Amino acid sequence: MTQQQLSLPAPAKINLFLHITGRRADGYHQLQTLFQLLDYGDQLDFQRRDDSTITLSPAHPAIAEKNNLVYRAAKALQQLARQKKPNHHYGADIHLHKRLPLGGGLGGGSSDAATTLIGLNHLWQLDLSREQLAALGLELGADVPVFIHGRTAWAEGIGEILSPVDTREHWYLVLAPNCEVSTATIFSHQQLTRDARAITIRAFLGQGGRNVCQPIAEKLYPEVKTARKWLEQYATVRMTGTGACIFASFESEAQARKVLVDVPQRWQAFVARGVNHSPAYQTGSSCK
């Protein structure tokens, strides 16, 4: 019997470092980063339909449905499915339980899109491989493939050249300042460092790295700097992606939660464990 319903997580990521090593002729930035997956994120519920309609709820007040990455991912996969079996119906009702802040650098939209591709690939019985889904996901955004492959990974190129990495599964406290950072604004800023020296995985694991976007984000969005200074009372702090979220690592969940209790009420924060394998593949979905 064909499965009709499925609920899957869309895990967050943090960038343990972010170096920009150059800029391509098309304007995209060449980078190096380490994507660390977390066991915390959004949740998506899928209900298969007997027609070709795709719905997404709830409606987002600031993003038109046609521009939402979840809807775009579903339509892209539907189009690909129709090429394989033109006479079949591929429809779904999708409900997004949003927990991750917009403009936070946690990959929420990209992860939502990836989980949509994973979930509908399963419900629609398309049997597409992770590589096929990742190629489709790359058309939606540079960060989507890392969530499709479902591994904590070293990334190069524009973020699409991935090498799986097993990291120590630290506990993290992630804090979201009250601001939404524009990635385009950060990447277009004249003072952004675009000539960071390329490093190897071994060098990073031994010496660490930095986020070259952090000084620009703190300059343009002072709330990021305020939050970073507050969290530095307890541990070393770094910004993820282009911001705005910052994070600190701890050896135990208890240590992280002890700090969580002290976070000022004006900021959203959560504790999560770093994981090497995505929880989206541990709850019943199938993908080669």
C-alpha atoms as a PDB file:
ATOM      1  CA  MET A   1       0.000   0.000   0.000  1.00  0.00           C
ATOM      2  CA  THR A   2       1.321   3.426  -0.934  1.00  0.00           C
ATOM      3  CA  GLN A   3       2.320   5.576   2.025  1.00  0.00           C
ATOM      4  CA  GLN A   4       0.135   8.668   2.292  1.00  0.00           C
ATOM      5  CA  GLN A   5       1.693  10.644   5.153  1.00  0.00           C
ATOM      6  CA  LEU A   6       5.186  11.429   6.363  1.00  0.00           C
ATOM      7  CA  SER A   7       6.710  13.754   8.946  1.00  0.00           C
ATOM      8  CA  LEU A   8      10.411  14.606   8.794  1.00  0.00           C
ATOM      9  CA  PRO A   9      12.812  16.974  10.572  1.00  0.00           C
ATOM     10  CA  ALA A  10      14.748  19.693   8.761  1.00  0.00           C
ATOM     11  CA  PRO A  11      17.899  20.041  10.871  1.00  0.00           C
ATOM     12  CA  ALA A  12      19.800  23.277  11.391  1.00  0.00           C
ATOM     13  CA  LYS A  13      23.476  23.702  10.590  1.00  0.00           C
ATOM     14  CA  ILE A  14      26.175  25.932  11.947  1.00  0.00           C
ATOM     15  CA  ASN A  15      29.395  26.941  10.202  1.00  0.00           C
ATOM     16  CA  LEU A  16      32.316  26.084  12.460  1.00  0.00           C
ATOM     17  CA  PHE A  17      34.337  28.525  10.342  1.00  0.00           C
ATOM     18  CA  LEU A  18      33.880  30.416   7.076  1.00  0.00           C
ATOM     19  CA  HIS A  19      36.705  31.610   4.832  1.00  0.00           C
ATOM     20  CA  ILE A  20      36.179  33.339   1.490  1.00  0.00           C
ATOM     21  CA  THR A  21      39.096  32.598  -0.808  1.00  0.00           C
ATOM     22  CA  GLY A  22      38.029  34.407  -3.969  1.00  0.00           C
ATOM     23  CA  ARG A  23      35.241  35.592  -6.213  1.00  0.00           C
ATOM     24  CA  ARG A  24      34.155  34.037  -9.495  1.00  0.00           C
ATOM     25  CA  ALA A  25      33.400  35.965 -12.674  1.00  0.00           C
ATOM     26  CA  ASP A  26      29.669  35.337 -12.158  1.00  0.00           C
ATOM     27  CA  GLY A  27      29.796  37.074  -8.760  1.00  0.00           C
ATOM     28  CA  TYR A  28      29.573  33.969  -6.591  1.00  0.00           C
ATOM     29  CA  HIS A  29      32.145  33.689  -3.814  1.00  0.00           C
ATOM     30  CA  GLN A  30      34.592  30.806  -3.506  1.00  0.00           C
ATOM     31  CA  LEU A  31      34.655  29.615   0.085  1.00  0.00           C
ATOM     32  CA  GLN A  32      35.758  27.034   2.586  1.00  0.00           C
ATOM     33  CA  THR A  33      33.602  26.031   5.529  1.00  0.00           C
ATOM     34  CA  LEU A  34      32.684  23.147   7.788  1.00  0.00           C
ATOM     35  CA  PHE A  35      28.959  22.491   7.986  1.00  0.00           C
ATOM     36  CA  GLN A  36      28.066  20.999  11.374  1.00  0.00           C
ATOM     37  CA  LEU A  37      24.580  19.476  11.457  1.00  0.00           C
ATOM     38  CA  LEU A  38      22.475  19.833  14.612  1.00  0.00           C
ATOM     39  CA  ASP A  39      19.745  17.657  16.103  1.00  0.00           C
ATOM     40  CA  TYR A  40      17.397  20.663  16.209  1.00  0.00           C
ATOM     41  CA  GLY A  41      15.453  22.390  13.476  1.00  0.00           C
ATOM     42  CA  ASP A  42      12.155  22.722  11.650  1.00  0.00           C
ATOM     43  CA  GLN A  43       9.619  19.957  11.027  1.00  0.00           C
ATOM     44  CA  LEU A  44       7.643  19.227   7.856  1.00  0.00           C
ATOM     45  CA  ASP A  45       4.473  17.161   7.507  1.00  0.00           C
ATOM     46  CA  PHE A  46       3.596  15.734   4.081  1.00  0.00           C
ATOM     47  CA  GLN A  47       0.199  14.423   2.959  1.00  0.00           C
ATOM     48  CA  ARG A  48       0.049  12.828  -0.475  1.00  0.00           C
ATOM     49  CA  ARG A  49      -2.782  13.994  -2.726  1.00  0.00           C
ATOM     50  CA  ASP A  50      -4.632  12.198  -5.537  1.00  0.00           C
ATOM     51  CA  ASP A  51      -4.254  15.190  -7.840  1.00  0.00           C
ATOM     52  CA  SER A  52      -1.365  17.426  -8.897  1.00  0.00           C
ATOM     53  CA  THR A  53      -2.025  20.251  -6.443  1.00  0.00           C
ATOM     54  CA  ILE A  54       0.740  21.349  -4.067  1.00  0.00           C
ATOM     55  CA  THR A  55      -0.213  23.380  -1.013  1.00  0.00           C
ATOM     56  CA  LEU A  56       1.978  24.871   1.694  1.00  0.00           C
ATOM     57  CA  SER A  57       0.790  26.015   5.104  1.00  0.00           C
ATOM     58  CA  PRO A  58       0.859  28.201   7.016  1.00  0.00           C
ATOM     59  CA  ALA A  59       1.215  31.163   4.689  1.00  0.00           C
ATOM     60  CA  HIS A  60       4.278  33.273   5.437  1.00  0.00           C
ATOM     61  CA  PRO A  61       3.500  36.966   5.971  1.00  0.00           C
ATOM     62  CA  ALA A  62       6.613  38.169   4.135  1.00  0.00           C
ATOM     63  CA  ILE A  63       7.306  35.453   1.530  1.00  0.00           C
ATOM     64  CA  ALA A  64       4.959  34.716  -1.363  1.00  0.00           C
ATOM     65  CA  GLU A  65       4.216  31.001  -1.740  1.00  0.00           C
ATOM     66  CA  LYS A  66       5.796  30.846  -5.198  1.00  0.00           C
ATOM     67  CA  ASN A  67       9.054  32.199  -3.717  1.00  0.00           C
ATOM     68  CA  ASN A  68       9.123  29.903  -0.688  1.00  0.00           C
ATOM     69  CA  LEU A  69      11.948  27.356  -0.961  1.00  0.00           C
ATOM     70  CA  VAL A  70       9.677  24.547   0.235  1.00  0.00           C
ATOM     71  CA  TYR A  71       7.127  25.231  -2.499  1.00  0.00           C
ATOM     72  CA  ARG A  72       9.841  25.723  -5.120  1.00  0.00           C
ATOM     73  CA  ALA A  73      11.467  22.423  -4.134  1.00  0.00           C
ATOM     74  CA  ALA A  74       8.156  20.583  -4.390  1.00  0.00           C
ATOM     75  CA  LYS A  75       7.387  22.090  -7.814  1.00  0.00           C
ATOM     76  CA  ALA A  76      10.887  21.302  -9.108  1.00  0.00           C
ATOM     77  CA  LEU A  77      10.584  17.668  -8.023  1.00  0.00           C
ATOM     78  CA  GLN A  78       7.060  17.465  -9.441  1.00  0.00           C
ATOM     79  CA  GLN A  79       8.322  18.664 -12.803  1.00  0.00           C
ATOM     80  CA  LEU A  80      11.088  16.050 -12.768  1.00  0.00           C
ATOM     81  CA  ALA A  81       8.617  13.332 -11.755  1.00  0.00           C
ATOM     82  CA  ARG A  82       6.302  14.177 -14.646  1.00  0.00           C
ATOM     83  CA  GLN A  83       9.172  13.673 -17.059  1.00  0.00           C
ATOM     84  CA  LYS A  84       9.483  10.091 -15.798  1.00  0.00           C
ATOM     85  CA  LYS A  85       5.735   9.317 -15.619  1.00  0.00           C
ATOM     86  CA  PRO A  86       3.698  11.995 -17.419  1.00  0.00           C
ATOM     87  CA  ASN A  87       0.317  10.420 -16.648  1.00  0.00           C
ATOM     88  CA  HIS A  88       0.785  10.170 -12.872  1.00  0.00           C
ATOM     89  CA  HIS A  89      -0.438  12.668 -10.304  1.00  0.00           C
ATOM     90  CA  TYR A  90       2.171  14.159  -7.984  1.00  0.00           C
ATOM     91  CA  GLY A  91       0.516  16.367  -5.424  1.00  0.00           C
ATOM     92  CA  ALA A  92       0.963  17.025  -1.720  1.00  0.00           C
ATOM     93  CA  ASP A  93      -0.205  19.116   1.194  1.00  0.00           C
ATOM     94  CA  ILE A  94       2.833  20.361   3.117  1.00  0.00           C
ATOM     95  CA  HIS A  95       2.767  21.861   6.589  1.00  0.00           C
ATOM     96  CA  LEU A  96       5.893  23.584   7.886  1.00  0.00           C
ATOM     97  CA  HIS A  97       6.505  23.841  11.628  1.00  0.00           C
ATOM     98  CA  LYS A  98       9.000  26.717  11.706  1.00  0.00           C
ATOM     99  CA  ARG A  99      11.374  26.894  14.662  1.00  0.00           C
ATOM    100  CA  LEU A 100      14.515  28.385  13.134  1.00  0.00           C
ATOM    101  CA  PRO A 101      14.763  32.182  12.721  1.00  0.00           C
ATOM    102  CA  LEU A 102      14.942  33.757   9.280  1.00  0.00           C
ATOM    103  CA  GLY A 103      18.254  35.348   8.364  1.00  0.00           C
ATOM    104  CA  GLY A 104      20.005  33.494  11.144  1.00  0.00           C
ATOM    105  CA  GLY A 105      22.680  31.616   9.211  1.00  0.00           C
ATOM    106  CA  LEU A 106      21.292  28.262  10.371  1.00  0.00           C
ATOM    107  CA  GLY A 107      20.341  27.054   6.887  1.00  0.00           C
ATOM    108  CA  GLY A 108      16.651  26.823   7.753  1.00  0.00           C
ATOM    109  CA  GLY A 109      15.267  27.542   4.299  1.00  0.00           C
ATOM    110  CA  SER A 110      17.817  25.294   2.587  1.00  0.00           C
ATOM    111  CA  SER A 111      17.176  22.487   5.051  1.00  0.00           C
ATOM    112  CA  ASP A 112      13.413  22.839   4.579  1.00  0.00           C
ATOM    113  CA  ALA A 113      13.894  22.550   0.816  1.00  0.00           C
ATOM    114  CA  ALA A 114      16.127  19.490   1.225  1.00  0.00           C
ATOM    115  CA  THR A 115      13.666  17.744   3.531  1.00  0.00           C
ATOM    116  CA  THR A 116      10.902  18.505   1.033  1.00  0.00           C
ATOM    117  CA  LEU A 117      12.864  16.760  -1.718  1.00  0.00           C
ATOM    118  CA  ILE A 118      13.678  13.823   0.570  1.00  0.00           C
ATOM    119  CA  GLY A 119      10.101  13.465   1.812  1.00  0.00           C
ATOM    120  CA  LEU A 120       8.339  13.770  -1.535  1.00  0.00           C
ATOM    121  CA  ASN A 121      10.867  11.492  -3.223  1.00  0.00           C
ATOM    122  CA  HIS A 122       9.721   8.870  -0.711  1.00  0.00           C
ATOM    123  CA  LEU A 123       5.960   9.587  -0.831  1.00  0.00           C
ATOM    124  CA  TRP A 124       5.865   9.784  -4.610  1.00  0.00           C
ATOM    125  CA  GLN A 125       8.005   6.610  -4.899  1.00  0.00           C
ATOM    126  CA  LEU A 126      10.437   8.226  -7.328  1.00  0.00           C
ATOM    127  CA  ASP A 127      13.513   6.303  -6.101  1.00  0.00           C
ATOM    128  CA  LEU A 128      15.876   9.148  -6.950  1.00  0.00           C
ATOM    129  CA  SER A 129      19.351   8.885  -5.451  1.00  0.00           C
ATOM    130  CA  ARG A 130      20.838  11.417  -3.064  1.00  0.00           C
ATOM    131  CA  GLU A 131      23.106  12.562  -5.882  1.00  0.00           C
ATOM    132  CA  GLN A 132      20.114  13.219  -8.138  1.00  0.00           C
ATOM    133  CA  LEU A 133      18.276  15.084  -5.402  1.00  0.00           C
ATOM    134  CA  ALA A 134      21.404  17.098  -4.558  1.00  0.00           C
ATOM    135  CA  ALA A 135      21.764  18.180  -8.207  1.00  0.00           C
ATOM    136  CA  LEU A 136      18.168  19.371  -8.153  1.00  0.00           C
ATOM    137  CA  GLY A 137      18.681  21.032  -4.785  1.00  0.00           C
ATOM    138  CA  LEU A 138      21.722  22.963  -5.995  1.00  0.00           C
ATOM    139  CA  GLU A 139      19.438  24.797  -8.433  1.00  0.00           C
ATOM    140  CA  LEU A 140      17.503  26.060  -5.394  1.00  0.00           C
ATOM    141  CA  GLY A 141      20.477  27.133  -3.287  1.00  0.00           C
ATOM    142  CA  ALA A 142      24.151  26.407  -2.662  1.00  0.00           C
ATOM    143  CA  ASP A 143      23.500  25.057   0.858  1.00  0.00           C
ATOM    144  CA  VAL A 144      20.739  22.606  -0.110  1.00  0.00           C
ATOM    145  CA  PRO A 145      23.037  19.695  -1.155  1.00  0.00           C
ATOM    146  CA  VAL A 146      24.668  19.397   2.280  1.00  0.00           C
ATOM    147  CA  PHE A 147      21.255  18.684   3.786  1.00  0.00           C
ATOM    148  CA  ILE A 148      20.378  16.271   0.966  1.00  0.00           C
ATOM    149  CA  HIS A 149      23.547  14.268   1.537  1.00  0.00           C
ATOM    150  CA  GLY A 150      22.810  14.423   5.262  1.00  0.00           C
ATOM    151  CA  ARG A 151      26.372  14.561   6.567  1.00  0.00           C
ATOM    152  CA  THR A 152      28.410  17.034   8.537  1.00  0.00           C
ATOM    153  CA  ALA A 153      30.813  18.083   5.793  1.00  0.00           C
ATOM    154  CA  TRP A 154      33.750  20.170   4.665  1.00  0.00           C
ATOM    155  CA  ALA A 155      32.623  22.397   1.801  1.00  0.00           C
ATOM    156  CA  GLU A 156      34.464  24.248  -0.953  1.00  0.00           C
ATOM    157  CA  GLY A 157      33.593  25.884  -4.275  1.00  0.00           C
ATOM    158  CA  ILE A 158      30.443  27.937  -3.638  1.00  0.00           C
ATOM    159  CA  GLY A 159      29.589  25.425  -0.932  1.00  0.00           C
ATOM    160  CA  GLU A 160      28.564  22.560  -3.197  1.00  0.00           C
ATOM    161  CA  ILE A 161      31.829  20.531  -3.207  1.00  0.00           C
ATOM    162  CA  LEU A 162      31.348  18.383  -0.124  1.00  0.00           C
ATOM    163  CA  SER A 163      33.587  15.986   1.781  1.00  0.00           C
ATOM    164  CA  PRO A 164      31.988  14.154   4.744  1.00  0.00           C
ATOM    165  CA  VAL A 165      33.729  14.793   8.052  1.00  0.00           C
ATOM    166  CA  ASP A 166      33.157  13.088  11.392  1.00  0.00           C
ATOM    167  CA  THR A 167      33.412  15.653  14.170  1.00  0.00           C
ATOM    168  CA  ARG A 168      33.194  15.356  17.934  1.00  0.00           C
ATOM    169  CA  GLU A 169      29.541  15.677  18.831  1.00  0.00           C
ATOM    170  CA  HIS A 170      29.719  18.767  21.014  1.00  0.00           C
ATOM    171  CA  TRP A 171      26.730  20.442  22.606  1.00  0.00           C
ATOM    172  CA  TYR A 172      26.006  23.935  21.355  1.00  0.00           C
ATOM    173  CA  LEU A 173      24.103  26.897  22.662  1.00  0.00           C
ATOM    174  CA  VAL A 174      22.788  28.879  19.695  1.00  0.00           C
ATOM    175  CA  LEU A 175      21.589  32.431  20.277  1.00  0.00           C
ATOM    176  CA  ALA A 176      19.523  34.464  17.812  1.00  0.00           C
ATOM    177  CA  PRO A 177      19.844  38.255  18.091  1.00  0.00           C
ATOM    178  CA  ASN A 178      16.746  40.274  17.221  1.00  0.00           C
ATOM    179  CA  CYS A 179      17.752  41.057  13.664  1.00  0.00           C
ATOM    180  CA  GLU A 180      17.552  39.426  10.243  1.00  0.00           C
ATOM    181  CA  VAL A 181      20.854  39.623   8.393  1.00  0.00           C
ATOM    182  CA  SER A 182      20.847  39.980   4.607  1.00  0.00           C
ATOM    183  CA  THR A 183      23.304  37.541   3.048  1.00  0.00           C
ATOM    184  CA  ALA A 184      23.446  39.650  -0.104  1.00  0.00           C
ATOM    185  CA  THR A 185      24.364  42.724   1.937  1.00  0.00           C
ATOM    186  CA  ILE A 186      27.199  40.892   3.700  1.00  0.00           C
ATOM    187  CA  PHE A 187      28.634  39.351   0.530  1.00  0.00           C
ATOM    188  CA  SER A 188      28.515  42.631  -1.380  1.00  0.00           C
ATOM    189  CA  HIS A 189      30.159  44.733   1.335  1.00  0.00           C
ATOM    190  CA  GLN A 190      33.384  46.402   0.184  1.00  0.00           C
ATOM    191  CA  GLN A 191      35.240  45.574   3.401  1.00  0.00           C
ATOM    192  CA  LEU A 192      34.516  41.841   3.281  1.00  0.00           C
ATOM    193  CA  THR A 193      37.711  39.749   3.268  1.00  0.00           C
ATOM    194  CA  ARG A 194      37.721  37.837  -0.022  1.00  0.00           C
ATOM    195  CA  ASP A 195      41.321  36.624  -0.136  1.00  0.00           C
ATOM    196  CA  ALA A 196      41.566  34.339   2.900  1.00  0.00           C
ATOM    197  CA  ARG A 197      44.302  31.745   2.541  1.00  0.00           C
ATOM    198  CA  ALA A 198      42.966  28.307   1.679  1.00  0.00           C
ATOM    199  CA  ILE A 199      43.474  25.720   4.409  1.00  0.00           C
ATOM    200  CA  THR A 200      43.167  21.953   4.678  1.00  0.00           C
ATOM    201  CA  ILE A 201      40.795  19.952   6.853  1.00  0.00           C
ATOM    202  CA  ARG A 202      43.752  18.810   8.963  1.00  0.00           C
ATOM    203  CA  ALA A 203      44.917  22.400   9.441  1.00  0.00           C
ATOM    204  CA  PHE A 204      41.474  23.525  10.558  1.00  0.00           C
ATOM    205  CA  LEU A 205      41.039  20.636  12.976  1.00  0.00           C
ATOM    206  CA  GLY A 206      44.433  21.451  14.467  1.00  0.00           C
ATOM    207  CA  GLN A 207      44.393  25.246  14.450  1.00  0.00           C
ATOM    208  CA  GLY A 208      40.779  26.313  13.935  1.00  0.00           C
ATOM    209  CA  GLY A 209      39.542  29.102  11.699  1.00  0.00           C
ATOM    210  CA  ARG A 210      37.387  32.196  11.750  1.00  0.00           C
ATOM    211  CA  ASN A 211      34.260  33.577  10.151  1.00  0.00           C
ATOM    212  CA  VAL A 212      35.327  36.414   7.851  1.00  0.00           C
ATOM    213  CA  CYS A 213      31.723  37.624   7.626  1.00  0.00           C
ATOM    214  CA  GLN A 214      31.441  38.249  11.371  1.00  0.00           C
ATOM    215  CA  PRO A 215      33.161  41.690  11.536  1.00  0.00           C
ATOM    216  CA  ILE A 216      30.917  43.006   8.747  1.00  0.00           C
ATOM    217  CA  ALA A 217      27.760  41.601  10.343  1.00  0.00           C
ATOM    218  CA  GLU A 218      28.654  43.106  13.710  1.00  0.00           C
ATOM    219  CA  LYS A 219      29.310  46.479  12.070  1.00  0.00           C
ATOM    220  CA  LEU A 220      26.029  46.545  10.158  1.00  0.00           C
ATOM    221  CA  TYR A 221      23.911  44.851  12.830  1.00  0.00           C
ATOM    222  CA  PRO A 222      25.070  45.998  16.296  1.00  0.00           C
ATOM    223  CA  GLU A 223      22.732  43.540  18.017  1.00  0.00           C
ATOM    224  CA  VAL A 224      24.959  40.707  16.770  1.00  0.00           C
ATOM    225  CA  LYS A 225      27.952  42.271  18.544  1.00  0.00           C
ATOM    226  CA  THR A 226      25.910  42.838  21.706  1.00  0.00           C
ATOM    227  CA  ALA A 227      24.828  39.195  21.786  1.00  0.00           C
ATOM    228  CA  ARG A 228      28.349  37.955  21.079  1.00  0.00           C
ATOM    229  CA  LYS A 229      29.802  39.978  23.937  1.00  0.00           C
ATOM    230  CA  TRP A 230      27.150  38.653  26.307  1.00  0.00           C
ATOM    231  CA  LEU A 231      27.763  34.995  25.408  1.00  0.00           C
ATOM    232  CA  GLU A 232      31.551  35.444  25.646  1.00  0.00           C
ATOM    233  CA  GLN A 233      31.129  35.533  29.417  1.00  0.00           C
ATOM    234  CA  TYR A 234      30.744  31.772  29.248  1.00  0.00           C
ATOM    235  CA  ALA A 235      32.700  30.416  26.272  1.00  0.00           C
ATOM    236  CA  THR A 236      34.377  31.166  22.945  1.00  0.00           C
ATOM    237  CA  VAL A 237      31.764  32.509  20.545  1.00  0.00           C
ATOM    238  CA  ARG A 238      31.466  32.475  16.762  1.00  0.00           C
ATOM    239  CA  MET A 239      28.844  33.592  14.275  1.00  0.00           C
ATOM    240  CA  THR A 240      27.379  31.038  11.867  1.00  0.00           C
ATOM    241  CA  GLY A 241      27.257  31.728   8.134  1.00  0.00           C
ATOM    242  CA  THR A 242      26.501  35.337   7.348  1.00  0.00           C
ATOM    243  CA  GLY A 243      24.629  35.643  10.653  1.00  0.00           C
ATOM    244  CA  ALA A 244      22.828  36.661  12.664  1.00  0.00           C
ATOM    245  CA  CYS A 245      23.002  33.638  14.994  1.00  0.00           C
ATOM    246  CA  ILE A 246      26.020  33.050  17.194  1.00  0.00           C
ATOM    247  CA  PHE A 247      27.028  29.896  19.026  1.00  0.00           C
ATOM    248  CA  ALA A 248      29.297  28.469  21.696  1.00  0.00           C
ATOM    249  CA  SER A 249      30.269  24.836  22.238  1.00  0.00           C
ATOM    250  CA  PHE A 250      30.161  22.914  25.505  1.00  0.00           C
ATOM    251  CA  GLU A 251      31.322  19.495  26.631  1.00  0.00           C
ATOM    252  CA  SER A 252      27.927  18.521  28.041  1.00  0.00           C
ATOM    253  CA  GLU A 253      24.247  19.281  27.637  1.00  0.00           C
ATOM    254  CA  ALA A 254      24.055  20.283  31.290  1.00  0.00           C
ATOM    255  CA  GLN A 255      26.720  22.977  30.819  1.00  0.00           C
ATOM    256  CA  ALA A 256      24.932  24.409  27.792  1.00  0.00           C
ATOM    257  CA  ARG A 257      21.540  24.404  29.492  1.00  0.00           C
ATOM    258  CA  LYS A 258      22.964  26.136  32.539  1.00  0.00           C
ATOM    259  CA  VAL A 259      23.916  29.078  30.304  1.00  0.00           C
ATOM    260  CA  LEU A 260      20.597  28.872  28.430  1.00  0.00           C
ATOM    261  CA  VAL A 261      18.761  29.715  31.657  1.00  0.00           C
ATOM    262  CA  ASP A 262      20.681  33.020  31.842  1.00  0.00           C
ATOM    263  CA  VAL A 263      19.952  34.182  28.279  1.00  0.00           C
ATOM    264  CA  PRO A 264      18.060  37.506  28.336  1.00  0.00           C
ATOM    265  CA  GLN A 265      14.403  37.114  27.378  1.00  0.00           C
ATOM    266  CA  ARG A 266      14.729  39.428  24.384  1.00  0.00           C
ATOM    267  CA  TRP A 267      16.778  36.796  22.559  1.00  0.00           C
ATOM    268  CA  GLN A 268      15.683  33.433  21.235  1.00  0.00           C
ATOM    269  CA  ALA A 269      18.101  30.621  22.084  1.00  0.00           C
ATOM    270  CA  PHE A 270      18.257  26.832  22.069  1.00  0.00           C
ATOM    271  CA  VAL A 271      20.589  23.985  22.965  1.00  0.00           C
ATOM    272  CA  ALA A 272      21.398  21.312  20.392  1.00  0.00           C
ATOM    273  CA  ARG A 273      23.850  18.484  19.878  1.00  0.00           C
ATOM    274  CA  GLY A 274      26.150  18.422  16.878  1.00  0.00           C
ATOM    275  CA  VAL A 275      25.549  15.268  14.834  1.00  0.00           C
ATOM    276  CA  ASN A 276      27.407  13.708  11.936  1.00  0.00           C
ATOM    277  CA  HIS A 277      24.316  12.211  10.265  1.00  0.00           C
ATOM    278  CA  SER A 278      21.088  14.037   9.497  1.00  0.00           C
ATOM    279  CA  PRO A 279      18.014  13.035  11.528  1.00  0.00           C
ATOM    280  CA  ALA A 280      15.996  13.437   8.312  1.00  0.00           C
ATOM    281  CA  TYR A 281      17.269   9.988   7.270  1.00  0.00           C
ATOM    282  CA  GLN A 282      16.531   8.307  10.591  1.00  0.00           C
ATOM    283  CA  THR A 283      12.733   8.568  10.643  1.00  0.00           C
ATOM    284  CA  GLY A 284      11.505   6.297   7.896  1.00  0.00           C
ATOM    285  CA  SER A 285      12.435   8.053   4.639  1.00  0.00           C
ATOM    286  CA  SER A 286      14.269   6.075   2.001  1.00  0.00           C
ATOM    287  CA  CYS A 287      16.820   7.393  -0.428  1.00  0.00           C
ATOM    288  CA  LYS A 288      19.669   5.580  -2.151  1.00  0.00           C
END
